[in-house]
Amino acid sequence: MTTRRTLTLSDAAQVCGTTKKALERRAERGTLEVSRRGGVRVVEVAELMRVGLIDVGSPVQLPTGGSALDRPLAVLARRLAEADADLLELRASLEATEAALRRAREDARLLRARLAKATPSGDLLAETA
């Protein structure tokens, strides 16, 4: 039985000279086939060659002396750091969304008030609000 040579997405990104996020996007679009091994997303070196991210026949130097699959704590630490970064990004996005919602509600309140002044009967708005 032959085992296929695989890299984590982080290691593959280093080997290919791209970012992990770029590889994740390719996987989401279906242009790069990835799989999971022990909860870690991996990609075959042959797949990286197929899509042109690595030249066919070129030697693949693994970053820092081996695959991250051989270093479970390093994988977990990296995943935790990535999750922390994602959490910060999501919090910032949530704050921006909440601020936009507050502005939209205030704009709606002001528009209702202006419309109530402009219409002869402000009672029509009470039914729609």
C-alpha atoms as a PDB file:
ATOM      1  CA  MET A   1       0.000   0.000   0.000  1.00  0.00           C
ATOM      2  CA  THR A   2       1.439   3.378  -0.961  1.00  0.00           C
ATOM      3  CA  THR A   3       0.795   6.404   1.172  1.00  0.00           C
ATOM      4  CA  ARG A   4       0.270   9.689  -0.573  1.00  0.00           C
ATOM      5  CA  ARG A   5       2.382  12.585   0.577  1.00  0.00           C
ATOM      6  CA  THR A   6       0.194  15.245   2.178  1.00  0.00           C
ATOM      7  CA  LEU A   7       0.705  18.653   3.743  1.00  0.00           C
ATOM      8  CA  THR A   8      -1.437  20.661   6.094  1.00  0.00           C
ATOM      9  CA  LEU A   9      -2.925  23.746   4.466  1.00  0.00           C
ATOM     10  CA  SER A  10      -0.531  25.930   6.453  1.00  0.00           C
ATOM     11  CA  ASP A  11       2.498  23.925   5.325  1.00  0.00           C
ATOM     12  CA  ALA A  12       1.180  23.790   1.758  1.00  0.00           C
ATOM     13  CA  ALA A  13       0.773  27.566   1.770  1.00  0.00           C
ATOM     14  CA  GLN A  14       4.414  27.986   2.800  1.00  0.00           C
ATOM     15  CA  VAL A  15       5.598  25.518   0.162  1.00  0.00           C
ATOM     16  CA  CYS A  16       3.512  27.193  -2.573  1.00  0.00           C
ATOM     17  CA  GLY A  17       4.355  30.732  -1.523  1.00  0.00           C
ATOM     18  CA  THR A  18       0.741  31.670  -0.913  1.00  0.00           C
ATOM     19  CA  THR A  19      -1.515  32.043   2.107  1.00  0.00           C
ATOM     20  CA  LYS A  20      -3.551  29.446   3.923  1.00  0.00           C
ATOM     21  CA  LYS A  21      -6.644  31.574   3.291  1.00  0.00           C
ATOM     22  CA  ALA A  22      -6.009  31.433  -0.470  1.00  0.00           C
ATOM     23  CA  LEU A  23      -5.873  27.638  -0.316  1.00  0.00           C
ATOM     24  CA  GLU A  24      -9.036  27.551   1.811  1.00  0.00           C
ATOM     25  CA  ARG A  25     -10.836  29.660  -0.794  1.00  0.00           C
ATOM     26  CA  ARG A  26      -9.733  27.311  -3.570  1.00  0.00           C
ATOM     27  CA  ALA A  27     -11.044  24.383  -1.515  1.00  0.00           C
ATOM     28  CA  GLU A  28     -14.368  26.171  -0.946  1.00  0.00           C
ATOM     29  CA  ARG A  29     -14.697  26.852  -4.687  1.00  0.00           C
ATOM     30  CA  GLY A  30     -13.869  23.222  -5.427  1.00  0.00           C
ATOM     31  CA  THR A  31     -10.733  23.988  -7.434  1.00  0.00           C
ATOM     32  CA  LEU A  32      -8.452  22.333  -4.856  1.00  0.00           C
ATOM     33  CA  GLU A  33      -9.228  18.956  -3.338  1.00  0.00           C
ATOM     34  CA  VAL A  34      -8.507  18.780   0.388  1.00  0.00           C
ATOM     35  CA  SER A  35      -9.317  16.159   2.980  1.00  0.00           C
ATOM     36  CA  ARG A  36      -9.212  15.796   6.739  1.00  0.00           C
ATOM     37  CA  ARG A  37      -6.817  13.697   8.709  1.00  0.00           C
ATOM     38  CA  GLY A  38      -7.286  13.697  12.458  1.00  0.00           C
ATOM     39  CA  GLY A  39      -9.312  16.906  12.286  1.00  0.00           C
ATOM     40  CA  VAL A  40      -6.629  18.703  10.267  1.00  0.00           C
ATOM     41  CA  ARG A  41      -7.208  19.714   6.653  1.00  0.00           C
ATOM     42  CA  VAL A  42      -4.542  18.311   4.377  1.00  0.00           C
ATOM     43  CA  VAL A  43      -3.808  18.446   0.669  1.00  0.00           C
ATOM     44  CA  GLU A  44      -1.807  16.000  -1.399  1.00  0.00           C
ATOM     45  CA  VAL A  45       1.393  17.243  -3.004  1.00  0.00           C
ATOM     46  CA  ALA A  46       0.156  15.698  -6.267  1.00  0.00           C
ATOM     47  CA  GLU A  47      -2.977  17.868  -6.033  1.00  0.00           C
ATOM     48  CA  LEU A  48      -0.848  20.989  -5.611  1.00  0.00           C
ATOM     49  CA  MET A  49       1.042  19.964  -8.741  1.00  0.00           C
ATOM     50  CA  ARG A  50      -2.196  19.247 -10.612  1.00  0.00           C
ATOM     51  CA  VAL A  51      -3.523  22.754 -10.021  1.00  0.00           C
ATOM     52  CA  GLY A  52      -0.161  24.348 -10.835  1.00  0.00           C
ATOM     53  CA  LEU A  53       0.800  25.604  -7.395  1.00  0.00           C
ATOM     54  CA  ILE A  54       3.947  23.446  -7.436  1.00  0.00           C
ATOM     55  CA  ASP A  55       5.958  22.646 -10.536  1.00  0.00           C
ATOM     56  CA  VAL A  56       5.660  18.992 -11.518  1.00  0.00           C
ATOM     57  CA  GLY A  57       8.801  17.111 -10.546  1.00  0.00           C
ATOM     58  CA  SER A  58      10.203  19.872  -8.364  1.00  0.00           C
ATOM     59  CA  PRO A  59      11.417  18.796  -4.938  1.00  0.00           C
ATOM     60  CA  VAL A  60       9.103  19.806  -2.117  1.00  0.00           C
ATOM     61  CA  GLN A  61      10.876  21.129   0.940  1.00  0.00           C
ATOM     62  CA  LEU A  62       8.736  20.820   4.034  1.00  0.00           C
ATOM     63  CA  PRO A  63       8.837  23.899   6.238  1.00  0.00           C
ATOM     64  CA  THR A  64      10.723  23.584   9.526  1.00  0.00           C
ATOM     65  CA  GLY A  65      11.674  19.935   9.252  1.00  0.00           C
ATOM     66  CA  GLY A  66       8.502  17.959   8.734  1.00  0.00           C
ATOM     67  CA  SER A  67       4.796  17.987   8.426  1.00  0.00           C
ATOM     68  CA  ALA A  68       2.734  19.576  11.145  1.00  0.00           C
ATOM     69  CA  LEU A  69       0.851  16.288  11.359  1.00  0.00           C
ATOM     70  CA  ASP A  70       3.935  15.001  13.189  1.00  0.00           C
ATOM     71  CA  ARG A  71       3.608  17.809  15.721  1.00  0.00           C
ATOM     72  CA  PRO A  72       0.086  17.653  17.201  1.00  0.00           C
ATOM     73  CA  LEU A  73       0.734  20.364  19.773  1.00  0.00           C
ATOM     74  CA  ALA A  74       2.042  22.687  17.085  1.00  0.00           C
ATOM     75  CA  VAL A  75      -1.080  22.017  15.055  1.00  0.00           C
ATOM     76  CA  LEU A  76      -3.306  22.768  18.016  1.00  0.00           C
ATOM     77  CA  ALA A  77      -1.363  25.914  18.886  1.00  0.00           C
ATOM     78  CA  ARG A  78      -1.600  27.128  15.289  1.00  0.00           C
ATOM     79  CA  ARG A  79      -5.303  26.345  15.111  1.00  0.00           C
ATOM     80  CA  LEU A  80      -5.857  28.189  18.400  1.00  0.00           C
ATOM     81  CA  ALA A  81      -3.976  31.243  17.100  1.00  0.00           C
ATOM     82  CA  GLU A  82      -5.990  31.152  13.876  1.00  0.00           C
ATOM     83  CA  ALA A  83      -9.220  30.812  15.849  1.00  0.00           C
ATOM     84  CA  ASP A  84      -8.224  33.795  18.001  1.00  0.00           C
ATOM     85  CA  ALA A  85      -7.533  35.861  14.889  1.00  0.00           C
ATOM     86  CA  ASP A  86     -10.857  34.791  13.381  1.00  0.00           C
ATOM     87  CA  LEU A  87     -12.632  35.689  16.625  1.00  0.00           C
ATOM     88  CA  LEU A  88     -11.115  39.185  16.630  1.00  0.00           C
ATOM     89  CA  GLU A  89     -12.167  39.653  13.015  1.00  0.00           C
ATOM     90  CA  LEU A  90     -15.704  38.445  13.774  1.00  0.00           C
ATOM     91  CA  ARG A  91     -15.975  40.737  16.808  1.00  0.00           C
ATOM     92  CA  ALA A  92     -14.909  43.727  14.720  1.00  0.00           C
ATOM     93  CA  SER A  93     -17.435  42.765  12.051  1.00  0.00           C
ATOM     94  CA  LEU A  94     -20.165  42.380  14.680  1.00  0.00           C
ATOM     95  CA  GLU A  95     -19.392  45.801  16.155  1.00  0.00           C
ATOM     96  CA  ALA A  96     -19.511  47.392  12.700  1.00  0.00           C
ATOM     97  CA  THR A  97     -22.800  45.644  11.938  1.00  0.00           C
ATOM     98  CA  GLU A  98     -24.326  46.727  15.246  1.00  0.00           C
ATOM     99  CA  ALA A  99     -23.220  50.331  14.626  1.00  0.00           C
ATOM    100  CA  ALA A 100     -24.766  50.230  11.146  1.00  0.00           C
ATOM    101  CA  LEU A 101     -27.978  48.824  12.614  1.00  0.00           C
ATOM    102  CA  ARG A 102     -28.109  51.606  15.204  1.00  0.00           C
ATOM    103  CA  ARG A 103     -27.627  54.205  12.429  1.00  0.00           C
ATOM    104  CA  ALA A 104     -30.315  52.576  10.295  1.00  0.00           C
ATOM    105  CA  ARG A 105     -32.772  52.537  13.219  1.00  0.00           C
ATOM    106  CA  GLU A 106     -32.046  56.193  13.961  1.00  0.00           C
ATOM    107  CA  ASP A 107     -32.502  57.069  10.272  1.00  0.00           C
ATOM    108  CA  ALA A 108     -35.815  55.176  10.242  1.00  0.00           C
ATOM    109  CA  ARG A 109     -36.961  57.029  13.379  1.00  0.00           C
ATOM    110  CA  LEU A 110     -36.072  60.388  11.819  1.00  0.00           C
ATOM    111  CA  LEU A 111     -37.836  59.474   8.567  1.00  0.00           C
ATOM    112  CA  ARG A 112     -40.959  58.436  10.452  1.00  0.00           C
ATOM    113  CA  ALA A 113     -40.947  61.738  12.310  1.00  0.00           C
ATOM    114  CA  ARG A 114     -40.504  63.722   9.077  1.00  0.00           C
ATOM    115  CA  LEU A 115     -43.237  61.729   7.352  1.00  0.00           C
ATOM    116  CA  ALA A 116     -45.583  62.243  10.296  1.00  0.00           C
ATOM    117  CA  LYS A 117     -45.092  66.004   9.994  1.00  0.00           C
ATOM    118  CA  ALA A 118     -45.546  65.900   6.214  1.00  0.00           C
ATOM    119  CA  THR A 119     -48.788  63.872   6.172  1.00  0.00           C
ATOM    120  CA  PRO A 120     -52.061  65.374   7.287  1.00  0.00           C
ATOM    121  CA  SER A 121     -52.816  62.357   9.448  1.00  0.00           C
ATOM    122  CA  GLY A 122     -49.855  60.943  11.386  1.00  0.00           C
ATOM    123  CA  ASP A 123     -52.085  58.043  12.443  1.00  0.00           C
ATOM    124  CA  LEU A 124     -51.251  56.148   9.261  1.00  0.00           C
ATOM    125  CA  LEU A 125     -47.681  55.667  10.480  1.00  0.00           C
ATOM    126  CA  ALA A 126     -48.763  54.316  13.828  1.00  0.00           C
ATOM    127  CA  GLU A 127     -50.351  51.370  12.029  1.00  0.00           C
ATOM    128  CA  THR A 128     -47.178  50.523  10.058  1.00  0.00           C
ATOM    129  CA  ALA A 129     -44.610  51.012  12.832  1.00  0.00           C
END
